[in-house]
N, C-alpha and C. Protein backbone atom coordinates (compact mmCIF):
# COMPACT_ATOMS: atom_id res chain seq x y z
N MET A 1 0.84 -1.20 0.00
CA MET A 1 0.00 0.00 0.00
C MET A 1 0.87 1.25 0.00
N ILE A 2 0.34 2.33 -0.57
CA ILE A 2 1.01 3.61 -0.52
C ILE A 2 0.71 4.22 0.83
N PRO A 3 1.72 4.49 1.64
CA PRO A 3 1.47 4.98 2.98
C PRO A 3 0.98 6.41 2.98
N SER A 4 0.16 6.74 3.97
CA SER A 4 -0.26 8.12 4.13
C SER A 4 0.81 8.85 4.92
N ASP A 5 0.79 10.17 4.81
CA ASP A 5 1.75 10.96 5.56
C ASP A 5 1.45 10.88 7.05
N SER A 6 2.48 10.92 7.87
CA SER A 6 2.32 10.93 9.31
C SER A 6 3.08 12.11 9.88
N PRO A 7 2.76 12.56 11.11
CA PRO A 7 3.45 13.70 11.70
C PRO A 7 4.96 13.48 11.71
N GLY A 8 5.68 14.54 11.37
CA GLY A 8 7.13 14.45 11.39
C GLY A 8 7.74 14.04 10.06
N ARG A 9 6.93 13.56 9.13
CA ARG A 9 7.45 13.19 7.82
C ARG A 9 7.42 14.40 6.91
N SER A 10 8.41 14.53 6.07
CA SER A 10 8.42 15.65 5.13
C SER A 10 7.29 15.45 4.12
N ARG A 11 6.73 16.55 3.69
CA ARG A 11 5.60 16.49 2.78
C ARG A 11 6.05 15.99 1.41
N LYS A 12 5.23 15.17 0.81
CA LYS A 12 5.53 14.63 -0.50
C LYS A 12 5.26 15.67 -1.58
N LYS A 13 5.77 15.40 -2.77
CA LYS A 13 5.44 16.18 -3.96
C LYS A 13 4.64 15.28 -4.89
N LEU A 14 3.85 15.90 -5.73
CA LEU A 14 2.95 15.18 -6.64
C LEU A 14 3.23 15.56 -8.08
N VAL A 15 3.54 14.56 -8.90
CA VAL A 15 3.70 14.77 -10.34
C VAL A 15 2.52 14.09 -11.03
N VAL A 16 1.78 14.86 -11.79
CA VAL A 16 0.59 14.36 -12.48
C VAL A 16 0.85 14.37 -13.98
N GLY A 17 0.65 13.25 -14.63
CA GLY A 17 0.73 13.18 -16.08
C GLY A 17 -0.66 13.08 -16.67
N LEU A 18 -0.97 13.93 -17.64
CA LEU A 18 -2.30 13.95 -18.21
C LEU A 18 -2.39 13.09 -19.47
N GLY A 19 -3.54 12.48 -19.65
CA GLY A 19 -3.78 11.64 -20.81
C GLY A 19 -5.17 11.05 -20.75
N ASN A 20 -5.44 10.14 -21.66
CA ASN A 20 -6.71 9.43 -21.70
C ASN A 20 -6.47 7.95 -21.43
N PRO A 21 -7.32 7.32 -20.63
CA PRO A 21 -7.11 5.91 -20.29
C PRO A 21 -7.53 4.97 -21.42
N GLY A 22 -6.97 3.77 -21.40
CA GLY A 22 -7.38 2.74 -22.35
C GLY A 22 -6.39 2.56 -23.48
N THR A 23 -6.36 1.34 -24.01
CA THR A 23 -5.42 1.02 -25.08
C THR A 23 -5.67 1.82 -26.35
N LYS A 24 -6.89 2.27 -26.53
CA LYS A 24 -7.24 3.06 -27.70
C LYS A 24 -6.38 4.31 -27.82
N TYR A 25 -5.97 4.84 -26.67
CA TYR A 25 -5.25 6.12 -26.66
C TYR A 25 -3.76 5.97 -26.39
N GLU A 26 -3.30 4.75 -26.19
CA GLU A 26 -1.87 4.56 -25.92
C GLU A 26 -1.04 5.04 -27.11
N GLY A 27 0.01 5.78 -26.80
CA GLY A 27 0.91 6.24 -27.84
C GLY A 27 0.44 7.45 -28.62
N THR A 28 -0.71 8.02 -28.25
CA THR A 28 -1.18 9.21 -28.95
C THR A 28 -0.48 10.45 -28.42
N ARG A 29 -0.54 11.52 -29.19
CA ARG A 29 0.13 12.77 -28.82
C ARG A 29 -0.44 13.33 -27.50
N HIS A 30 -1.72 13.14 -27.29
CA HIS A 30 -2.38 13.68 -26.10
C HIS A 30 -1.95 12.95 -24.84
N ASN A 31 -1.26 11.82 -24.97
CA ASN A 31 -0.92 11.00 -23.81
C ASN A 31 0.54 11.09 -23.39
N VAL A 32 1.23 12.14 -23.81
CA VAL A 32 2.64 12.24 -23.42
C VAL A 32 2.78 12.39 -21.90
N GLY A 33 1.78 12.95 -21.24
CA GLY A 33 1.83 13.04 -19.78
C GLY A 33 1.88 11.66 -19.13
N PHE A 34 1.06 10.75 -19.64
CA PHE A 34 1.09 9.36 -19.15
C PHE A 34 2.46 8.73 -19.42
N GLU A 35 3.02 9.02 -20.60
CA GLU A 35 4.32 8.45 -20.98
C GLU A 35 5.40 8.88 -19.98
N ILE A 36 5.34 10.14 -19.56
CA ILE A 36 6.32 10.63 -18.60
C ILE A 36 6.19 9.91 -17.26
N ILE A 37 4.96 9.73 -16.80
CA ILE A 37 4.75 9.02 -15.54
C ILE A 37 5.29 7.60 -15.65
N ASP A 38 5.05 6.94 -16.76
CA ASP A 38 5.56 5.58 -16.95
C ASP A 38 7.09 5.55 -16.95
N GLN A 39 7.70 6.59 -17.54
CA GLN A 39 9.17 6.68 -17.53
C GLN A 39 9.68 6.81 -16.10
N LEU A 40 9.05 7.70 -15.32
CA LEU A 40 9.47 7.91 -13.94
C LEU A 40 9.27 6.65 -13.11
N ALA A 41 8.23 5.89 -13.44
CA ALA A 41 7.90 4.69 -12.67
C ALA A 41 8.89 3.54 -12.91
N ARG A 42 9.76 3.67 -13.89
CA ARG A 42 10.76 2.62 -14.14
C ARG A 42 11.86 2.62 -13.10
N ASN A 43 11.89 3.65 -12.27
CA ASN A 43 12.83 3.70 -11.16
C ASN A 43 12.61 2.47 -10.26
N PRO A 44 13.65 1.74 -9.89
CA PRO A 44 13.48 0.54 -9.05
C PRO A 44 12.80 0.81 -7.71
N SER A 45 12.85 2.05 -7.26
CA SER A 45 12.24 2.38 -5.97
C SER A 45 10.73 2.59 -6.04
N THR A 46 10.16 2.53 -7.24
CA THR A 46 8.75 2.83 -7.42
C THR A 46 7.85 1.71 -6.92
N SER A 47 6.80 2.08 -6.19
CA SER A 47 5.81 1.11 -5.74
C SER A 47 4.91 0.73 -6.91
N SER A 48 4.13 -0.31 -6.73
CA SER A 48 3.15 -0.70 -7.75
C SER A 48 2.06 0.37 -7.83
N PHE A 49 1.53 0.57 -9.03
CA PHE A 49 0.40 1.49 -9.19
C PHE A 49 -0.84 0.89 -8.54
N GLN A 50 -1.59 1.75 -7.88
CA GLN A 50 -2.86 1.36 -7.27
C GLN A 50 -3.96 2.26 -7.79
N ARG A 51 -5.16 1.71 -7.87
CA ARG A 51 -6.31 2.54 -8.22
C ARG A 51 -6.67 3.39 -7.01
N LYS A 52 -6.55 4.69 -7.17
CA LYS A 52 -6.82 5.61 -6.08
C LYS A 52 -7.08 6.99 -6.65
N PHE A 53 -7.97 7.73 -6.02
CA PHE A 53 -8.28 9.10 -6.43
C PHE A 53 -8.73 9.18 -7.90
N ASP A 54 -9.55 8.23 -8.32
CA ASP A 54 -10.01 8.20 -9.73
C ASP A 54 -8.84 8.17 -10.70
N GLY A 55 -7.80 7.44 -10.32
CA GLY A 55 -6.64 7.34 -11.19
C GLY A 55 -5.75 6.21 -10.74
N PHE A 56 -4.54 6.17 -11.28
CA PHE A 56 -3.53 5.22 -10.85
C PHE A 56 -2.43 6.00 -10.14
N LEU A 57 -2.10 5.55 -8.92
CA LEU A 57 -1.15 6.26 -8.08
C LEU A 57 -0.01 5.33 -7.68
N ALA A 58 1.20 5.85 -7.75
CA ALA A 58 2.38 5.13 -7.27
C ALA A 58 3.27 6.12 -6.53
N GLU A 59 4.26 5.59 -5.83
CA GLU A 59 5.23 6.45 -5.15
C GLU A 59 6.62 6.04 -5.56
N THR A 60 7.47 7.02 -5.79
CA THR A 60 8.85 6.76 -6.17
C THR A 60 9.77 7.69 -5.43
N GLU A 61 11.04 7.56 -5.68
CA GLU A 61 12.03 8.46 -5.10
C GLU A 61 12.82 9.10 -6.23
N ILE A 62 12.84 10.42 -6.21
CA ILE A 62 13.57 11.17 -7.23
C ILE A 62 14.48 12.16 -6.51
N ALA A 63 15.77 12.08 -6.77
CA ALA A 63 16.75 12.97 -6.13
C ALA A 63 16.56 12.98 -4.62
N TYR A 64 16.32 11.80 -4.05
CA TYR A 64 16.16 11.58 -2.61
C TYR A 64 14.88 12.21 -2.04
N HIS A 65 13.93 12.52 -2.90
CA HIS A 65 12.65 13.06 -2.46
C HIS A 65 11.55 12.05 -2.78
N LYS A 66 10.59 11.94 -1.88
CA LYS A 66 9.44 11.08 -2.11
C LYS A 66 8.47 11.79 -3.06
N ILE A 67 8.20 11.15 -4.17
CA ILE A 67 7.35 11.74 -5.20
C ILE A 67 6.18 10.82 -5.49
N LEU A 68 4.99 11.37 -5.45
CA LEU A 68 3.78 10.64 -5.85
C LEU A 68 3.58 10.82 -7.34
N LEU A 69 3.24 9.73 -8.02
CA LEU A 69 3.00 9.75 -9.46
C LEU A 69 1.53 9.42 -9.70
N LEU A 70 0.85 10.28 -10.43
CA LEU A 70 -0.59 10.11 -10.64
C LEU A 70 -0.94 10.19 -12.12
N LYS A 71 -1.72 9.19 -12.57
CA LYS A 71 -2.31 9.20 -13.91
C LYS A 71 -3.83 9.20 -13.73
N PRO A 72 -4.49 10.35 -13.89
CA PRO A 72 -5.94 10.39 -13.76
C PRO A 72 -6.60 9.50 -14.81
N GLU A 73 -7.65 8.79 -14.38
CA GLU A 73 -8.37 7.90 -15.28
C GLU A 73 -9.73 8.47 -15.66
N THR A 74 -9.88 9.76 -15.50
CA THR A 74 -11.17 10.43 -15.71
C THR A 74 -11.33 10.98 -17.12
N PHE A 75 -10.36 10.71 -17.99
CA PHE A 75 -10.24 11.31 -19.31
C PHE A 75 -9.74 12.76 -19.16
N MET A 76 -9.04 13.19 -20.17
CA MET A 76 -8.29 14.46 -20.12
C MET A 76 -9.10 15.63 -19.58
N ASN A 77 -10.28 15.85 -20.12
CA ASN A 77 -11.02 17.07 -19.81
C ASN A 77 -11.55 17.11 -18.39
N LEU A 78 -11.51 16.00 -17.66
CA LEU A 78 -12.00 15.96 -16.27
C LEU A 78 -10.87 15.58 -15.31
N SER A 79 -9.65 15.89 -15.67
CA SER A 79 -8.48 15.51 -14.87
C SER A 79 -8.49 16.13 -13.48
N GLY A 80 -9.12 17.27 -13.33
CA GLY A 80 -9.07 18.00 -12.07
C GLY A 80 -9.63 17.26 -10.88
N ARG A 81 -10.65 16.47 -11.09
CA ARG A 81 -11.26 15.75 -9.97
C ARG A 81 -10.26 14.81 -9.31
N SER A 82 -9.52 14.09 -10.11
CA SER A 82 -8.51 13.16 -9.60
C SER A 82 -7.40 13.91 -8.88
N VAL A 83 -6.93 14.98 -9.50
CA VAL A 83 -5.84 15.76 -8.90
C VAL A 83 -6.28 16.38 -7.58
N ARG A 84 -7.48 16.92 -7.53
CA ARG A 84 -7.98 17.55 -6.31
C ARG A 84 -8.04 16.55 -5.15
N GLN A 85 -8.49 15.33 -5.44
CA GLN A 85 -8.58 14.32 -4.38
C GLN A 85 -7.20 14.01 -3.78
N ALA A 86 -6.22 13.80 -4.64
CA ALA A 86 -4.87 13.51 -4.15
C ALA A 86 -4.27 14.73 -3.44
N PHE A 87 -4.48 15.88 -4.01
CA PHE A 87 -3.96 17.13 -3.47
C PHE A 87 -4.48 17.36 -2.05
N GLN A 88 -5.78 17.14 -1.86
CA GLN A 88 -6.38 17.37 -0.54
C GLN A 88 -6.00 16.27 0.44
N PHE A 89 -5.96 15.03 -0.02
CA PHE A 89 -5.65 13.91 0.87
C PHE A 89 -4.26 14.06 1.49
N TYR A 90 -3.29 14.46 0.67
CA TYR A 90 -1.92 14.59 1.15
C TYR A 90 -1.61 15.98 1.69
N LYS A 91 -2.63 16.85 1.71
CA LYS A 91 -2.49 18.21 2.28
C LYS A 91 -1.31 18.94 1.65
N LEU A 92 -1.30 18.97 0.33
CA LEU A 92 -0.21 19.57 -0.40
C LEU A 92 -0.41 21.08 -0.58
N ASP A 93 0.68 21.77 -0.79
CA ASP A 93 0.65 23.16 -1.22
C ASP A 93 0.75 23.17 -2.75
N PRO A 94 0.29 24.25 -3.39
CA PRO A 94 0.43 24.33 -4.85
C PRO A 94 1.87 24.15 -5.32
N THR A 95 2.86 24.56 -4.50
CA THR A 95 4.25 24.42 -4.91
C THR A 95 4.72 22.96 -4.90
N ASP A 96 3.90 22.07 -4.34
CA ASP A 96 4.23 20.64 -4.31
C ASP A 96 3.74 19.90 -5.56
N LEU A 97 3.08 20.62 -6.46
CA LEU A 97 2.42 19.99 -7.60
C LEU A 97 3.09 20.37 -8.91
N LEU A 98 3.31 19.36 -9.75
CA LEU A 98 3.77 19.58 -11.12
C LEU A 98 2.88 18.77 -12.05
N VAL A 99 2.30 19.44 -13.04
CA VAL A 99 1.43 18.78 -14.02
C VAL A 99 2.16 18.72 -15.36
N VAL A 100 2.19 17.53 -15.95
CA VAL A 100 2.87 17.31 -17.23
C VAL A 100 1.82 17.05 -18.30
N CYS A 101 1.90 17.81 -19.40
CA CYS A 101 0.89 17.65 -20.46
C CYS A 101 1.49 17.97 -21.82
N ASP A 102 0.74 17.63 -22.84
CA ASP A 102 1.13 17.94 -24.21
C ASP A 102 0.80 19.39 -24.52
N ASP A 103 1.47 19.93 -25.53
CA ASP A 103 1.20 21.29 -25.97
C ASP A 103 1.20 21.34 -27.49
N LEU A 104 0.07 21.72 -28.01
CA LEU A 104 -0.13 21.77 -29.46
C LEU A 104 0.62 22.93 -30.11
N SER A 105 0.93 23.97 -29.32
CA SER A 105 1.54 25.18 -29.88
C SER A 105 3.07 25.15 -29.85
N LEU A 106 3.65 24.14 -29.20
CA LEU A 106 5.11 24.05 -29.14
C LEU A 106 5.64 23.11 -30.22
N PRO A 107 6.82 23.41 -30.74
CA PRO A 107 7.43 22.50 -31.72
C PRO A 107 7.65 21.12 -31.12
N LEU A 108 7.71 20.14 -31.96
CA LEU A 108 7.87 18.75 -31.53
C LEU A 108 9.07 18.59 -30.60
N GLY A 109 8.81 18.03 -29.40
CA GLY A 109 9.87 17.72 -28.47
C GLY A 109 10.37 18.87 -27.62
N LYS A 110 9.88 20.07 -27.83
CA LYS A 110 10.34 21.22 -27.05
C LYS A 110 9.68 21.23 -25.68
N LEU A 111 10.43 21.59 -24.64
CA LEU A 111 9.92 21.64 -23.28
C LEU A 111 9.68 23.09 -22.86
N ARG A 112 8.64 23.28 -22.05
CA ARG A 112 8.40 24.59 -21.47
C ARG A 112 7.85 24.41 -20.06
N LEU A 113 8.59 24.88 -19.08
CA LEU A 113 8.16 24.85 -17.68
C LEU A 113 7.69 26.24 -17.27
N ARG A 114 6.65 26.27 -16.44
CA ARG A 114 6.14 27.52 -15.89
C ARG A 114 5.74 27.27 -14.44
N PRO A 115 5.89 28.28 -13.57
CA PRO A 115 5.50 28.12 -12.17
C PRO A 115 4.00 28.29 -11.95
N SER A 116 3.31 28.88 -12.92
CA SER A 116 1.87 29.15 -12.80
C SER A 116 1.40 29.66 -14.16
N GLY A 117 0.16 30.13 -14.21
CA GLY A 117 -0.33 30.72 -15.46
C GLY A 117 -1.65 30.16 -15.90
N SER A 118 -2.06 30.54 -17.10
CA SER A 118 -3.34 30.11 -17.64
C SER A 118 -3.24 28.68 -18.17
N ASP A 119 -4.39 28.16 -18.59
CA ASP A 119 -4.39 26.79 -19.13
C ASP A 119 -3.88 26.74 -20.56
N GLY A 120 -3.82 27.90 -21.23
CA GLY A 120 -3.30 27.93 -22.59
C GLY A 120 -4.10 27.09 -23.57
N GLY A 121 -5.37 26.86 -23.25
CA GLY A 121 -6.21 26.07 -24.13
C GLY A 121 -6.14 24.57 -23.88
N GLN A 122 -5.32 24.15 -22.93
CA GLN A 122 -5.21 22.72 -22.60
C GLN A 122 -6.33 22.39 -21.61
N LYS A 123 -7.28 21.57 -22.04
CA LYS A 123 -8.49 21.37 -21.25
C LYS A 123 -8.27 20.61 -19.95
N GLY A 124 -7.26 19.74 -19.93
CA GLY A 124 -6.93 19.06 -18.69
C GLY A 124 -6.43 20.04 -17.65
N LEU A 125 -5.53 20.93 -18.06
CA LEU A 125 -5.05 21.98 -17.17
C LEU A 125 -6.19 22.88 -16.71
N LYS A 126 -7.07 23.21 -17.62
CA LYS A 126 -8.20 24.08 -17.29
C LYS A 126 -9.04 23.47 -16.17
N ASP A 127 -9.30 22.17 -16.26
CA ASP A 127 -10.12 21.52 -15.24
C ASP A 127 -9.39 21.44 -13.90
N ILE A 128 -8.09 21.24 -13.93
CA ILE A 128 -7.31 21.21 -12.69
C ILE A 128 -7.36 22.57 -12.01
N ILE A 129 -7.19 23.64 -12.78
CA ILE A 129 -7.26 24.99 -12.23
C ILE A 129 -8.63 25.24 -11.60
N THR A 130 -9.68 24.79 -12.29
CA THR A 130 -11.04 24.97 -11.77
C THR A 130 -11.23 24.20 -10.47
N GLN A 131 -10.80 22.95 -10.44
CA GLN A 131 -11.01 22.09 -9.28
C GLN A 131 -10.18 22.55 -8.07
N LEU A 132 -8.96 23.01 -8.30
CA LEU A 132 -8.11 23.45 -7.20
C LEU A 132 -8.39 24.89 -6.78
N GLY A 133 -8.98 25.65 -7.68
CA GLY A 133 -9.25 27.05 -7.37
C GLY A 133 -8.01 27.92 -7.43
N THR A 134 -6.98 27.44 -8.10
CA THR A 134 -5.75 28.22 -8.24
C THR A 134 -5.01 27.76 -9.49
N SER A 135 -4.25 28.67 -10.07
CA SER A 135 -3.38 28.32 -11.20
C SER A 135 -1.92 28.39 -10.77
N ASP A 136 -1.70 28.53 -9.47
CA ASP A 136 -0.34 28.70 -8.96
C ASP A 136 0.34 27.36 -8.68
N PHE A 137 0.45 26.55 -9.69
CA PHE A 137 1.19 25.29 -9.60
C PHE A 137 2.02 25.14 -10.86
N ALA A 138 3.12 24.41 -10.74
CA ALA A 138 4.04 24.26 -11.87
C ALA A 138 3.44 23.35 -12.93
N ARG A 139 3.81 23.61 -14.15
CA ARG A 139 3.41 22.74 -15.25
C ARG A 139 4.57 22.59 -16.23
N LEU A 140 4.66 21.42 -16.79
CA LEU A 140 5.67 21.09 -17.80
C LEU A 140 4.92 20.71 -19.07
N ARG A 141 5.07 21.53 -20.08
CA ARG A 141 4.43 21.27 -21.37
C ARG A 141 5.46 20.67 -22.32
N ILE A 142 5.02 19.73 -23.12
CA ILE A 142 5.88 19.08 -24.10
C ILE A 142 5.27 19.24 -25.48
N GLY A 143 6.04 19.81 -26.38
CA GLY A 143 5.53 20.05 -27.73
C GLY A 143 5.28 18.77 -28.49
N ILE A 144 4.13 18.70 -29.14
CA ILE A 144 3.77 17.49 -29.89
C ILE A 144 3.74 17.73 -31.40
N GLY A 145 4.22 18.91 -31.83
CA GLY A 145 4.30 19.18 -33.26
C GLY A 145 3.15 20.03 -33.77
N GLU A 146 3.35 20.56 -34.95
CA GLU A 146 2.33 21.40 -35.56
C GLU A 146 1.35 20.53 -36.34
N ARG A 147 0.08 20.85 -36.17
CA ARG A 147 -0.96 20.00 -36.76
C ARG A 147 -1.21 20.27 -38.23
N GLY A 148 -0.79 21.45 -38.71
CA GLY A 148 -1.07 21.78 -40.11
C GLY A 148 -2.57 21.91 -40.36
N PRO A 149 -3.07 21.36 -41.47
CA PRO A 149 -4.50 21.52 -41.79
C PRO A 149 -5.42 20.56 -41.04
N ILE A 150 -4.86 19.66 -40.24
CA ILE A 150 -5.67 18.67 -39.55
C ILE A 150 -6.42 19.31 -38.38
N ASP A 151 -7.64 18.87 -38.14
CA ASP A 151 -8.41 19.34 -36.99
C ASP A 151 -7.63 19.04 -35.71
N ALA A 152 -7.64 20.00 -34.77
CA ALA A 152 -6.85 19.87 -33.54
C ALA A 152 -7.24 18.62 -32.75
N ALA A 153 -8.54 18.34 -32.64
CA ALA A 153 -8.99 17.18 -31.87
C ALA A 153 -8.50 15.88 -32.50
N ASP A 154 -8.49 15.82 -33.82
CA ASP A 154 -7.99 14.62 -34.50
C ASP A 154 -6.47 14.51 -34.35
N PHE A 155 -5.79 15.65 -34.41
CA PHE A 155 -4.33 15.63 -34.36
C PHE A 155 -3.83 15.15 -33.01
N VAL A 156 -4.38 15.65 -31.91
CA VAL A 156 -3.87 15.26 -30.59
C VAL A 156 -4.14 13.79 -30.29
N LEU A 157 -5.13 13.21 -30.96
CA LEU A 157 -5.43 11.79 -30.75
C LEU A 157 -4.74 10.89 -31.78
N SER A 158 -3.90 11.50 -32.61
CA SER A 158 -3.13 10.71 -33.57
C SER A 158 -1.84 10.24 -32.92
N ARG A 159 -1.18 9.27 -33.55
CA ARG A 159 0.07 8.75 -33.03
C ARG A 159 1.26 9.39 -33.75
N PHE A 160 2.38 9.39 -33.08
CA PHE A 160 3.57 9.97 -33.67
C PHE A 160 4.04 9.14 -34.85
N ARG A 161 4.49 9.83 -35.89
CA ARG A 161 5.05 9.14 -37.05
C ARG A 161 6.40 8.55 -36.68
N SER A 162 6.82 7.56 -37.44
CA SER A 162 8.10 6.88 -37.14
C SER A 162 9.26 7.86 -37.16
N THR A 163 9.18 8.88 -38.01
CA THR A 163 10.25 9.87 -38.09
C THR A 163 10.25 10.80 -36.88
N GLU A 164 9.13 10.88 -36.17
CA GLU A 164 9.04 11.76 -35.00
C GLU A 164 9.42 11.06 -33.70
N LYS A 165 9.34 9.76 -33.68
CA LYS A 165 9.53 9.03 -32.43
C LYS A 165 10.91 9.23 -31.80
N PRO A 166 12.01 9.23 -32.56
CA PRO A 166 13.32 9.45 -31.90
C PRO A 166 13.38 10.79 -31.17
N MET A 167 12.82 11.83 -31.76
CA MET A 167 12.83 13.14 -31.12
C MET A 167 11.97 13.13 -29.86
N MET A 168 10.84 12.45 -29.90
CA MET A 168 9.99 12.39 -28.72
C MET A 168 10.62 11.54 -27.62
N ASP A 169 11.30 10.48 -28.00
CA ASP A 169 11.99 9.66 -27.00
C ASP A 169 13.02 10.50 -26.26
N ASP A 170 13.76 11.33 -26.99
CA ASP A 170 14.74 12.21 -26.36
C ASP A 170 14.05 13.24 -25.48
N ALA A 171 12.91 13.74 -25.93
CA ALA A 171 12.17 14.74 -25.16
C ALA A 171 11.67 14.15 -23.84
N LEU A 172 11.26 12.90 -23.87
CA LEU A 172 10.79 12.25 -22.63
C LEU A 172 11.93 12.12 -21.63
N ILE A 173 13.13 11.80 -22.12
CA ILE A 173 14.29 11.71 -21.23
C ILE A 173 14.60 13.07 -20.62
N LEU A 174 14.59 14.11 -21.46
CA LEU A 174 14.83 15.47 -20.96
C LEU A 174 13.77 15.86 -19.93
N ALA A 175 12.53 15.48 -20.20
CA ALA A 175 11.45 15.83 -19.28
C ALA A 175 11.64 15.18 -17.91
N THR A 176 12.07 13.93 -17.89
CA THR A 176 12.30 13.28 -16.60
C THR A 176 13.45 13.95 -15.85
N GLN A 177 14.45 14.41 -16.60
CA GLN A 177 15.54 15.13 -15.96
C GLN A 177 15.05 16.46 -15.40
N ALA A 178 14.18 17.14 -16.14
CA ALA A 178 13.63 18.41 -15.67
C ALA A 178 12.81 18.21 -14.40
N ILE A 179 12.08 17.12 -14.34
CA ILE A 179 11.27 16.83 -13.16
C ILE A 179 12.16 16.58 -11.95
N ALA A 180 13.28 15.90 -12.15
CA ALA A 180 14.22 15.65 -11.06
C ALA A 180 14.78 16.96 -10.51
N VAL A 181 15.10 17.89 -11.41
CA VAL A 181 15.61 19.19 -10.97
C VAL A 181 14.52 19.96 -10.22
N TRP A 182 13.28 19.92 -10.75
CA TRP A 182 12.16 20.57 -10.04
C TRP A 182 12.00 20.00 -8.63
N ALA A 183 12.06 18.68 -8.50
CA ALA A 183 11.86 18.04 -7.21
C ALA A 183 12.96 18.42 -6.22
N ASP A 184 14.17 18.57 -6.71
CA ASP A 184 15.31 18.80 -5.82
C ASP A 184 15.64 20.28 -5.62
N GLN A 185 15.48 21.08 -6.70
CA GLN A 185 15.95 22.47 -6.63
C GLN A 185 14.86 23.51 -6.87
N GLY A 186 13.68 23.06 -7.30
CA GLY A 186 12.59 24.01 -7.50
C GLY A 186 12.37 24.36 -8.96
N ILE A 187 11.26 25.05 -9.19
CA ILE A 187 10.83 25.34 -10.56
C ILE A 187 11.77 26.30 -11.27
N ASP A 188 12.34 27.29 -10.56
CA ASP A 188 13.21 28.26 -11.22
C ASP A 188 14.45 27.59 -11.80
N ALA A 189 15.04 26.69 -11.02
CA ALA A 189 16.23 25.98 -11.51
C ALA A 189 15.88 25.12 -12.71
N ALA A 190 14.72 24.46 -12.66
CA ALA A 190 14.30 23.62 -13.79
C ALA A 190 14.04 24.46 -15.04
N MET A 191 13.42 25.61 -14.86
CA MET A 191 13.16 26.50 -16.00
C MET A 191 14.47 26.96 -16.63
N ASN A 192 15.41 27.36 -15.78
CA ASN A 192 16.69 27.87 -16.30
C ASN A 192 17.44 26.82 -17.10
N ARG A 193 17.32 25.58 -16.71
CA ARG A 193 18.07 24.52 -17.38
C ARG A 193 17.37 23.92 -18.59
N PHE A 194 16.04 23.88 -18.55
CA PHE A 194 15.34 23.06 -19.55
C PHE A 194 14.37 23.81 -20.46
N ASN A 195 14.00 25.03 -20.14
CA ASN A 195 13.07 25.71 -21.03
C ASN A 195 13.69 25.91 -22.40
N GLY A 196 12.93 25.50 -23.40
CA GLY A 196 13.43 25.59 -24.77
C GLY A 196 14.20 24.37 -25.19
N SER A 197 14.49 23.47 -24.25
CA SER A 197 15.23 22.26 -24.61
C SER A 197 14.43 21.43 -25.59
N ALA A 198 15.13 20.83 -26.49
CA ALA A 198 14.50 19.94 -27.46
C ALA A 198 15.55 19.02 -28.02
N SER A 199 15.08 17.90 -28.52
CA SER A 199 15.98 16.98 -29.20
C SER A 199 16.52 17.65 -30.46
N PRO A 200 17.78 17.43 -30.80
CA PRO A 200 18.34 18.04 -32.04
C PRO A 200 17.53 17.64 -33.25
């Protein structure tokens, strides 16, 4: 079981990856948040995922910090309900939260970290802001490429082309490194090192 916090223990941090549940959506552009959580979960210290808070929750250790990993199972546009439950249960501050999601406006594989801000049209982020009543939490956006003439809804649910996959694989590695810096040194240090980073 994932233990609850007890008096005297340092507060955990929560990394949330956004996506849609089910095999139908595996590997789609909209699910890069889930991909990041799965990458982080490969750490040998990671507990098994459990169904909790309308999602799948695990705990890992990153840079000697206890990190909760959450994949909401509510579908992208209703991600906030799952995040709010975990956020309230563990009595977190907004600075303890990092949300990872795709970004349609960023070039393929490019990273952008922010300490707060608007949802930027990302509906999962929008619902989290609504449910938490604040936008003062960190977010890591990962560029999924330009859609061109394709409808945005169709594009985000499409899969990466074979020529795009190497760049995205590199971006996922960079993203996990950025998360480690955020966990250990804070959002400013992560922004300074990784904003604008992208696979060559």
